[in-house]
Protein backbone atom coordinates (compact mmCIF):
# COMPACT_ATOMS: atom_id res chain seq x y z
CA MET A 1 -1.80 1.14 2.42
CA THR A 2 1.04 2.94 0.78
CA SER A 3 4.71 2.33 1.50
CA LEU A 4 5.80 3.52 4.92
CA ARG A 5 9.52 3.04 4.46
CA GLY A 6 11.81 5.97 5.09
CA THR A 7 11.33 8.93 7.35
CA GLN A 8 7.96 10.37 8.22
CA ALA A 9 6.89 13.34 6.09
CA PRO A 10 6.69 16.73 7.80
CA PRO A 11 3.34 18.49 8.23
CA ALA A 12 1.83 20.10 5.16
CA THR A 13 2.42 23.61 6.46
CA ALA A 14 6.15 22.96 6.75
CA VAL A 15 6.77 21.39 3.34
CA PRO A 16 9.10 23.50 1.21
CA ALA A 17 8.62 23.90 -2.51
CA VAL A 18 11.73 23.70 -4.71
CA THR A 19 11.90 26.28 -7.45
CA GLY A 20 13.51 25.82 -10.82
CA SER A 21 16.73 27.34 -9.53
CA GLY A 22 16.84 24.83 -6.70
CA VAL A 23 15.94 27.37 -4.00
CA SER A 24 13.40 26.31 -1.43
CA ALA A 25 10.30 28.43 -1.02
CA ALA A 26 7.18 28.20 1.12
CA ALA A 27 4.47 25.92 -0.22
CA PRO A 28 1.54 27.80 -1.81
CA PRO A 29 -1.58 28.20 0.33
CA PRO A 30 -4.54 25.86 -0.31
CA ARG A 31 -6.84 26.98 -3.13
CA ARG A 32 -10.58 26.59 -3.28
CA PHE A 33 -11.33 23.45 -5.28
CA GLY A 34 -7.63 23.45 -6.06
CA ALA A 35 -7.59 19.73 -6.91
CA LEU A 36 -9.82 20.32 -9.92
CA ARG A 37 -7.11 22.53 -11.46
CA HIS A 38 -5.10 19.38 -12.14
CA ARG A 39 -6.25 17.65 -15.33
CA SER A 40 -5.65 14.05 -14.30
CA PHE A 41 -7.51 14.43 -11.02
CA ALA A 42 -10.36 16.33 -12.67
CA LEU A 43 -10.81 13.56 -15.27
CA LEU A 44 -10.77 10.88 -12.60
CA TRP A 45 -13.15 12.81 -10.35
CA VAL A 46 -15.77 13.32 -13.07
CA GLY A 47 -15.48 9.65 -14.01
CA LEU A 48 -15.90 8.57 -10.40
CA LEU A 49 -18.93 10.82 -9.95
CA LEU A 50 -20.64 9.14 -12.92
CA SER A 51 -19.48 5.64 -12.03
CA ASN A 52 -20.52 5.93 -8.39
CA SER A 53 -23.91 7.26 -9.44
CA GLY A 54 -24.31 4.02 -11.37
CA THR A 55 -23.21 2.04 -8.32
CA TRP A 56 -25.87 3.72 -6.18
CA MET A 57 -28.43 3.03 -8.89
CA GLN A 58 -27.57 -0.67 -8.81
CA SER A 59 -27.62 -0.77 -5.01
CA THR A 60 -31.13 0.72 -4.99
CA ALA A 61 -32.41 -1.69 -7.65
CA GLN A 62 -30.78 -4.69 -5.95
CA GLY A 63 -32.46 -3.96 -2.63
CA TYR A 64 -35.82 -3.43 -4.32
CA LEU A 65 -35.46 -6.61 -6.40
CA VAL A 66 -34.37 -8.75 -3.44
CA TYR A 67 -37.30 -7.65 -1.30
CA GLU A 68 -39.77 -8.16 -4.13
CA LEU A 69 -38.40 -11.67 -4.69
CA THR A 70 -38.17 -12.74 -1.04
CA SER A 71 -40.30 -10.36 1.10
CA SER A 72 -37.66 -11.04 3.76
CA PRO A 73 -35.80 -8.40 5.80
CA LEU A 74 -33.30 -11.15 6.59
CA ALA A 75 -32.51 -11.45 2.88
CA LEU A 76 -31.71 -7.73 2.80
CA GLY A 77 -29.45 -8.21 5.79
CA LEU A 78 -27.62 -11.06 4.06
CA LEU A 79 -27.22 -8.90 0.96
CA SER A 80 -25.61 -6.22 3.12
CA LEU A 81 -23.39 -8.81 4.80
CA SER A 82 -22.19 -10.19 1.44
CA PHE A 83 -20.94 -6.71 0.59
CA ALA A 84 -19.68 -5.72 4.04
CA LEU A 85 -17.40 -8.68 4.76
CA PRO A 86 -14.95 -8.07 1.88
CA MET A 87 -15.00 -4.33 2.58
CA LEU A 88 -14.13 -5.00 6.22
CA LEU A 89 -11.38 -7.57 5.70
CA LEU A 90 -9.75 -6.91 2.32
CA PRO A 91 -8.83 -3.18 2.09
CA PRO A 92 -5.49 -3.67 3.95
CA LEU A 93 -4.56 -6.35 1.42
CA GLY A 94 -5.70 -4.08 -1.40
CA GLY A 95 -3.54 -1.30 -0.02
CA VAL A 96 -0.43 -3.48 -0.02
CA LEU A 97 -1.22 -4.65 -3.55
CA ALA A 98 -1.66 -1.04 -4.70
CA ASP A 99 1.78 -0.25 -3.30
CA ARG A 100 3.49 -3.09 -5.19
CA VAL A 101 2.01 -2.89 -8.70
CA ASP A 102 1.08 -0.21 -11.22
CA ARG A 103 -1.98 1.51 -9.75
CA LEU A 104 -3.50 2.56 -13.04
CA ALA A 105 -3.17 -1.00 -14.35
CA LEU A 106 -4.89 -2.29 -11.22
CA MET A 107 -7.78 0.12 -11.76
CA LYS A 108 -8.08 -1.01 -15.39
CA VAL A 109 -8.37 -4.65 -14.31
CA ALA A 110 -10.88 -3.91 -11.54
CA ASN A 111 -13.18 -1.84 -13.76
CA THR A 112 -13.02 -4.40 -16.58
CA PHE A 113 -14.08 -7.17 -14.19
CA TRP A 114 -16.83 -4.92 -12.83
CA ILE A 115 -18.28 -4.46 -16.30
CA ALA A 116 -18.17 -8.22 -16.93
CA GLN A 117 -19.86 -9.25 -13.69
CA THR A 118 -22.50 -6.52 -14.03
CA LEU A 119 -23.37 -7.70 -17.55
CA ILE A 120 -23.84 -11.21 -16.13
CA LEU A 121 -26.31 -9.71 -13.64
CA VAL A 122 -28.06 -7.89 -16.51
CA ALA A 123 -28.46 -11.09 -18.52
CA LEU A 124 -29.78 -13.13 -15.60
CA THR A 125 -32.25 -10.44 -14.61
CA TRP A 126 -33.53 -9.58 -18.09
CA THR A 127 -34.27 -13.24 -18.84
CA GLY A 128 -36.03 -13.73 -15.49
CA ARG A 129 -33.54 -16.39 -14.35
CA ILE A 130 -32.16 -14.34 -11.50
CA GLU A 131 -32.23 -15.95 -8.05
CA PHE A 132 -31.34 -14.61 -4.64
CA TRP A 133 -28.06 -16.52 -4.45
CA HIS A 134 -26.99 -15.03 -7.79
CA ILE A 135 -27.36 -11.53 -6.36
CA LEU A 136 -25.49 -12.52 -3.18
CA ALA A 137 -22.57 -14.01 -5.10
CA LEU A 138 -22.25 -11.08 -7.49
CA SER A 139 -22.55 -8.60 -4.60
CA PHE A 140 -19.69 -10.38 -2.84
CA LEU A 141 -17.55 -10.28 -5.98
CA SER A 142 -18.32 -6.58 -6.47
CA ALA A 143 -17.18 -5.85 -2.90
CA VAL A 144 -13.92 -7.75 -3.45
CA LEU A 145 -13.21 -5.60 -6.49
CA LEU A 146 -14.17 -2.44 -4.63
CA ALA A 147 -11.85 -3.29 -1.72
CA VAL A 148 -8.93 -3.37 -4.16
CA ASP A 149 -10.06 -0.48 -6.37
CA ASN A 150 -10.88 1.84 -3.47
CA SER A 151 -7.50 1.31 -1.83
CA THR A 152 -5.81 1.93 -5.17
CA ARG A 153 -7.69 5.16 -5.80
CA GLN A 154 -6.95 6.47 -2.31
CA ALA A 155 -3.25 5.75 -2.80
CA LEU A 156 -3.30 7.34 -6.26
CA ILE A 157 -4.56 10.76 -5.11
CA PRO A 158 -1.16 12.09 -3.90
CA ASP A 159 0.24 11.21 -7.33
CA LEU A 160 -2.35 13.42 -9.04
CA VAL A 161 -2.25 16.61 -6.94
CA PRO A 162 0.43 18.48 -4.95
CA ARG A 163 0.27 18.43 -1.18
CA ALA A 164 -1.21 21.95 -1.03
CA ASP A 165 -4.35 20.66 -2.80
CA LEU A 166 -4.54 17.33 -0.99
CA MET A 167 -7.33 18.39 1.40
CA SER A 168 -9.38 19.54 -1.58
CA ALA A 169 -8.74 16.26 -3.42
CA ILE A 170 -9.70 14.09 -0.45
CA SER A 171 -12.91 16.05 0.10
CA LEU A 172 -13.88 15.85 -3.57
CA ASN A 173 -13.07 12.13 -3.62
CA SER A 174 -15.52 11.66 -0.75
CA VAL A 175 -18.15 13.64 -2.64
CA ALA A 176 -17.63 11.44 -5.70
CA PHE A 177 -18.74 8.36 -3.74
CA THR A 178 -21.26 9.34 -1.09
CA GLY A 179 -22.48 12.50 -2.80
CA ALA A 180 -23.38 10.46 -5.88
CA SER A 181 -26.12 8.90 -3.75
CA LEU A 182 -28.08 12.13 -4.24
CA LEU A 183 -28.57 11.38 -7.94
CA GLY A 184 -28.17 7.63 -8.45
CA PRO A 185 -31.01 6.25 -6.29
CA ALA A 186 -33.48 8.87 -7.51
CA VAL A 187 -32.78 7.95 -11.15
CA ALA A 188 -33.01 4.23 -10.36
CA GLY A 189 -36.36 4.73 -8.63
CA GLN A 190 -37.77 6.56 -11.65
CA ILE A 191 -36.59 3.83 -14.04
CA LEU A 192 -38.09 1.06 -11.88
CA ALA A 193 -41.36 2.96 -11.63
CA ALA A 194 -41.42 3.54 -15.41
CA PHE A 195 -41.27 -0.21 -16.07
CA GLY A 196 -44.16 -0.79 -13.66
CA GLN A 197 -44.93 -4.48 -13.24
CA ALA A 198 -42.02 -5.52 -15.50
CA LEU A 199 -39.79 -5.95 -12.45
CA TYR A 200 -37.00 -7.92 -14.10
CA GLN A 201 -36.73 -5.65 -17.13
CA GLY A 202 -36.70 -2.50 -14.99
CA ALA A 203 -33.98 -3.83 -12.71
CA ALA A 204 -31.97 -5.08 -15.70
CA ALA A 205 -32.14 -1.61 -17.28
CA VAL A 206 -30.69 -0.08 -14.11
CA PHE A 207 -27.94 -2.71 -13.95
CA PHE A 208 -27.04 -2.08 -17.60
CA LEU A 209 -26.66 1.65 -16.98
CA ASN A 210 -24.33 0.82 -14.11
CA ALA A 211 -22.21 -1.35 -16.43
CA LEU A 212 -21.91 1.59 -18.81
CA SER A 213 -20.98 3.94 -15.97
CA TYR A 214 -17.76 2.03 -15.32
CA LEU A 215 -16.52 3.26 -18.69
CA ALA A 216 -16.44 6.78 -17.22
CA VAL A 217 -13.45 5.68 -15.12
CA LEU A 218 -11.98 3.04 -17.40
CA LEU A 219 -11.62 5.27 -20.48
CA PRO A 220 -9.72 8.14 -18.77
CA VAL A 221 -7.45 5.64 -17.01
CA LEU A 222 -6.78 3.90 -20.32
CA PHE A 223 -6.12 6.95 -22.47
CA TRP A 224 -5.61 10.23 -20.61
CA ILE A 225 -4.49 9.91 -16.99
CA ARG A 226 -0.76 9.59 -16.47
CA VAL A 227 1.27 9.54 -13.25
CA PRO A 228 5.04 9.69 -12.71
CA PRO A 229 6.76 6.38 -11.94
CA ARG A 230 7.08 5.57 -8.25
CA ARG A 231 10.33 4.82 -6.52
CA ARG A 232 10.60 2.50 -3.57
CA GLU A 233 13.56 2.87 -1.27
CA GLY A 234 15.50 -0.22 -0.26
CA PRO A 235 15.04 -3.84 -1.32
CA PRO A 236 11.44 -5.02 -1.77
CA ALA A 237 9.92 -6.72 1.26
CA SER A 238 7.50 -9.61 1.18
CA PHE A 239 3.75 -9.04 0.89
CA GLY A 240 3.21 -10.12 4.49
CA ALA A 241 6.01 -7.89 5.79
CA ASP A 242 4.48 -4.85 4.08
CA LEU A 243 1.06 -5.71 5.54
CA LEU A 244 2.46 -6.03 9.07
CA GLU A 245 4.41 -2.80 8.68
CA GLY A 246 1.24 -0.93 7.75
CA LEU A 247 -0.72 -2.43 10.65
CA ARG A 248 2.05 -1.54 13.09
CA TYR A 249 2.14 2.00 11.74
CA VAL A 250 -1.58 2.48 12.37
CA ALA A 251 -1.49 0.76 15.78
CA SER A 252 1.33 3.03 16.96
CA ARG A 253 -0.66 6.19 16.24
CA ARG A 254 -3.57 6.73 18.55
CA PRO A 255 -5.43 9.31 16.36
CA LEU A 256 -5.52 6.84 13.47
CA VAL A 257 -6.83 4.06 15.71
CA LEU A 258 -9.55 6.33 17.09
CA LEU A 259 -10.56 7.48 13.60
CA LEU A 260 -10.80 3.89 12.36
CA LEU A 261 -12.90 2.87 15.37
CA LEU A 262 -15.13 5.90 14.91
CA THR A 263 -15.64 5.03 11.25
CA GLU A 264 -16.49 1.41 12.07
CA VAL A 265 -18.98 2.34 14.79
CA THR A 266 -20.79 4.96 12.70
CA SER A 267 -20.87 2.69 9.64
CA VAL A 268 -22.24 -0.34 11.49
CA PHE A 269 -24.68 1.36 13.87
CA GLY A 270 -25.38 4.68 12.17
CA ARG A 271 -25.79 3.83 8.48
CA SER A 272 -27.12 0.27 8.43
CA PHE A 273 -30.71 1.56 8.22
CA GLY A 274 -30.25 1.99 4.47
CA GLN A 275 -30.43 -1.75 3.83
CA LEU A 276 -33.96 -1.85 5.26
CA MET A 277 -35.29 1.01 3.14
CA PRO A 278 -37.30 -1.33 0.86
CA VAL A 279 -39.12 -2.65 3.96
CA PHE A 280 -40.08 0.84 5.12
CA ALA A 281 -41.06 1.90 1.60
CA ARG A 282 -43.33 -1.04 0.78
CA ASP A 283 -44.69 -2.22 4.13
CA VAL A 284 -44.69 0.91 6.29
CA LEU A 285 -45.06 3.93 4.02
CA ARG A 286 -46.81 2.04 1.17
CA VAL A 287 -44.89 3.83 -1.58
CA GLY A 288 -43.38 2.63 -4.85
CA PRO A 289 -39.82 2.47 -6.18
CA ASP A 290 -39.81 6.14 -7.19
CA ARG A 291 -40.30 7.22 -3.56
CA LEU A 292 -37.85 4.54 -2.44
CA GLY A 293 -35.22 6.17 -4.65
CA LEU A 294 -35.86 9.54 -3.01
CA MET A 295 -35.51 7.96 0.43
CA TYR A 296 -32.09 6.62 -0.55
CA SER A 297 -31.13 10.02 -2.00
CA ALA A 298 -31.87 12.11 1.08
CA PRO A 299 -28.63 11.33 3.02
CA GLY A 300 -26.59 12.18 -0.07
CA ALA A 301 -27.74 15.81 0.08
CA GLY A 302 -26.03 16.39 3.42
CA THR A 303 -22.87 14.61 2.28
CA LEU A 304 -22.75 16.72 -0.86
CA VAL A 305 -23.00 19.99 1.09
CA GLY A 306 -20.35 18.92 3.62
CA GLY A 307 -17.93 17.61 1.02
CA PHE A 308 -18.09 20.70 -1.16
CA MET A 309 -17.70 22.92 1.91
CA LEU A 310 -14.45 21.17 2.83
CA ALA A 311 -13.19 21.29 -0.74
CA ALA A 312 -13.96 25.01 -0.97
CA LEU A 313 -12.32 25.96 2.32
CA GLY A 314 -9.22 23.92 1.55
CA SER A 315 -7.87 23.87 5.12
CA LEU A 316 -9.60 23.48 8.49
CA PRO A 317 -8.64 22.54 12.06
CA ARG A 318 -9.17 18.81 11.54
CA ARG A 319 -9.51 17.64 15.14
CA ARG A 320 -12.21 20.21 15.91
CA LEU A 321 -13.98 19.33 12.69
CA VAL A 322 -14.08 15.60 13.45
CA THR A 323 -15.19 16.22 17.04
CA GLY A 324 -17.93 18.62 15.99
CA ALA A 325 -19.22 16.32 13.25
CA THR A 326 -19.35 13.37 15.63
CA VAL A 327 -21.24 15.27 18.31
């Protein structure tokens, strides 16, 4: 939730570009995969693709491990709930925080904590001391960190690319998260299958690879990615005032409200089947973790195609696109 103070920005097609002589010129047209031409965004995008692949690997192994430990679909539902609650309630707070502090510093802190809590999960699992409540608690903590980190990354994108390449950057950012599900679960399933009956060691190996994957984002943010300092107009408001301002901004714009509602409905009722994949794999289809990984990977193929299509085209009639995709 970035700062909304000041006047509203004009549409992208009307934004002038200022030349070195101070003369305004028309903004350049969108370029195919134009966001990847900018070094800082390209570094972050590659890091996110690797890191999110690790996240999907861990999600697959967690679901498999929980169902093997409990044989309870309810336990899988509680695991999903432990992750969903922070992601539902905390992103507005994370957005305000990302608007008040250094965004790169916030990403450094979030990824460092992610590595620490994932290594705790590795140790508990490898030694066979892991219990269901451990997984629930660490899943909840991971979602809290993601709520802050995701808001920060979304707010950081306009600092990394010019407006002409913003559509490309947003599309590629989506691919980096959901498209990574094409690779991550399949790899996790193969690792779990390779360990066979050594359930704890197989899951721990997957969790350890996820801990390493966070370095793909942490290292570029630490050493290579730089953004210009931000300026905030007027005296700083309180945290609560900024939060209310953002909520009022969204509530006053009907398209934003409809898009948020559409996202909530499709996420809750259209994508919740994924949490029950271990039930279908073991009890219905009678397949092992390798096939379970492929089941998790299948939706990522469609996301990957759609995301790259948007990034390649650069500009599309957005209302028609959203309507067509929903139908």
